[in-house]
Protein backbone atom coordinates (compact mmCIF):
# COMPACT_ATOMS: atom_id res chain seq x y z
CA MET A 1 15.35 29.23 28.80
CA ARG A 2 17.72 32.07 28.07
CA GLU A 3 21.30 32.12 26.88
CA GLU A 4 22.44 33.04 30.39
CA ASP A 5 20.92 29.75 31.67
CA LEU A 6 23.13 27.64 29.42
CA GLU A 7 26.11 27.13 31.73
CA SER A 8 23.82 25.47 34.27
CA VAL A 9 21.83 23.65 31.60
CA LEU A 10 25.01 22.27 30.02
CA LEU A 11 26.25 20.99 33.41
CA ILE A 12 22.98 19.14 33.96
CA GLU A 13 22.99 17.85 30.38
CA SER A 14 26.54 16.51 30.56
CA SER A 15 25.92 14.76 33.86
CA SER A 16 22.65 13.24 32.59
CA PHE A 17 23.52 11.89 29.14
CA SER A 18 26.43 10.00 27.60
CA ARG A 19 26.05 12.02 24.38
CA PRO A 20 25.04 15.45 25.65
CA TRP A 21 23.72 18.26 23.53
CA THR A 22 26.10 21.11 22.79
CA ARG A 23 25.64 24.81 23.47
CA ARG A 24 24.70 25.16 19.78
CA HIS A 25 21.88 22.60 20.16
CA PHE A 26 20.36 24.63 22.97
CA MET A 27 20.90 27.94 21.18
CA ASP A 28 19.10 26.51 18.15
CA GLU A 29 16.11 25.73 20.39
CA ILE A 30 16.19 29.16 22.03
CA GLU A 31 16.33 30.87 18.63
CA SER A 32 13.77 28.69 16.85
CA PRO A 33 10.25 30.06 16.37
CA PHE A 34 9.06 26.47 16.89
CA GLY A 35 11.19 25.81 19.99
CA PHE A 36 9.90 26.35 23.51
CA PRO A 37 12.75 25.48 25.87
CA THR A 38 12.04 26.14 29.52
CA VAL A 39 13.91 25.85 32.80
CA ALA A 40 12.93 24.97 36.36
CA LEU A 41 14.37 27.38 38.90
CA THR A 42 14.79 27.35 42.65
CA PRO A 43 13.39 30.38 44.53
CA ASP A 44 16.86 31.94 44.39
CA GLY A 45 17.06 31.52 40.59
CA ARG A 46 19.25 28.41 40.31
CA VAL A 47 18.53 26.24 37.24
CA VAL A 48 17.70 22.72 38.47
CA GLY A 49 16.06 21.27 35.38
CA TYR A 50 14.99 22.00 31.83
CA LEU A 51 12.82 20.76 29.01
CA CYS A 52 13.10 21.45 25.28
CA LEU A 53 9.77 21.37 23.48
CA LYS A 54 9.29 21.70 19.73
CA ARG A 55 5.83 22.52 18.34
CA LEU A 56 4.95 22.69 14.68
CA LEU A 57 1.32 23.18 13.69
CA ASP A 58 -0.71 20.70 15.75
CA GLU A 59 2.11 18.31 16.72
CA ALA A 60 4.77 18.65 19.39
CA GLU A 61 7.75 16.72 20.70
CA ILE A 62 9.76 16.79 23.89
CA LEU A 63 13.31 16.71 22.57
CA ASP A 64 15.27 16.82 25.80
CA VAL A 65 14.49 16.90 29.50
CA ALA A 66 16.72 16.54 32.56
CA VAL A 67 16.89 17.42 36.23
CA ASP A 68 20.00 18.18 38.29
CA GLY A 69 21.00 14.98 40.10
CA ASN A 70 20.87 16.75 43.46
CA PHE A 71 17.22 17.66 42.86
CA ARG A 72 15.84 14.43 41.40
CA GLY A 73 12.94 12.79 43.19
CA ARG A 74 11.36 16.12 44.13
CA GLY A 75 8.78 16.30 41.32
CA ILE A 76 10.69 18.71 39.09
CA GLY A 77 10.61 16.37 36.08
CA ARG A 78 6.87 15.91 36.57
CA ILE A 79 6.35 19.67 36.71
CA LEU A 80 8.35 20.18 33.50
CA VAL A 81 6.53 17.46 31.57
CA ARG A 82 3.15 18.66 32.87
CA TRP A 83 4.08 22.15 31.71
CA ALA A 84 4.71 20.75 28.21
CA VAL A 85 1.38 18.86 28.21
CA ASP A 86 -0.49 21.98 29.33
CA PHE A 87 1.36 24.25 26.89
CA CYS A 88 0.47 21.97 24.00
CA ARG A 89 -3.16 21.78 25.12
CA ARG A 90 -3.37 25.59 25.22
CA HIS A 91 -1.83 25.78 21.74
CA ALA A 92 -4.17 23.24 20.10
CA ALA A 93 -1.74 20.36 19.68
CA ILE A 94 -3.34 17.01 18.93
CA VAL A 95 -0.33 14.95 19.95
CA LEU A 96 2.82 15.31 22.07
CA ARG A 97 5.60 12.78 21.43
CA LEU A 98 8.87 11.81 23.08
CA GLU A 99 11.54 9.12 23.01
CA VAL A 100 12.91 7.47 26.13
CA ARG A 101 15.70 4.95 26.54
CA VAL A 102 14.52 1.42 27.24
CA GLY A 103 15.52 0.67 30.83
CA ASN A 104 14.90 4.23 32.04
CA ASP A 105 12.12 2.84 34.23
CA GLU A 106 11.74 5.95 36.37
CA ALA A 107 11.13 8.21 33.35
CA ILE A 108 8.87 5.67 31.65
CA ALA A 109 6.76 5.37 34.81
CA LEU A 110 6.51 9.16 35.06
CA TYR A 111 5.39 9.51 31.44
CA ARG A 112 2.77 6.77 31.90
CA ARG A 113 1.43 8.42 35.06
CA LEU A 114 1.06 11.65 33.09
CA GLY A 115 -0.95 9.94 30.34
CA PHE A 116 1.65 9.00 27.73
CA ARG A 117 1.38 5.61 26.06
CA GLU A 118 3.94 3.52 24.21
CA VAL A 119 3.37 3.62 20.45
CA GLY A 120 6.56 2.06 19.06
CA ARG A 121 10.28 1.51 19.31
CA ARG A 122 13.39 2.59 17.49
CA LYS A 123 15.74 -0.38 17.50
CA ARG A 124 19.33 0.29 18.55
CA TYR A 125 18.65 4.03 18.58
CA TYR A 126 21.15 5.04 21.26
CA GLU A 127 24.95 4.99 21.02
CA ASN A 128 25.24 1.82 23.12
CA GLY A 129 22.64 -0.06 21.08
CA ASP A 130 19.71 0.50 23.46
CA ASP A 131 16.27 0.86 21.90
CA ALA A 132 14.22 4.02 22.21
CA ILE A 133 10.61 3.68 23.30
CA LEU A 134 8.33 6.07 21.42
CA MET A 135 5.59 7.50 23.58
CA GLU A 136 2.82 9.96 22.91
CA PHE A 137 0.15 11.93 24.67
CA SER A 138 -3.01 12.48 22.61
CA TYR A 139 -5.41 15.31 23.32
């Protein structure tokens, strides 16, 4: 992810989440030595998805991931999450974590298919009172 990708990223973010990240959030990830934000592009260079990965020592976390609504169901989310799993494997992570909103059945199913398992919950984590399911992939 580069600064010039942010207009597209912010459009996807705001259409995907009720409390979207700001430009500053994404810039912090781009500028962080521990942040590894990436984008999914069409052949003509259009941003259609993104994932923000944070890695510190041997642990990593997917902080944010979304796909343009017009491109969902085409495997882009799977490709992004697989990229994160592979990146962490190559960089000697022992665990990759994420949080997902309870009720986001499509995302939960994807994470399970890719080898993540539920390890806990954060009660009333989201702005509307929904719980967050904590999931992790162990290497």
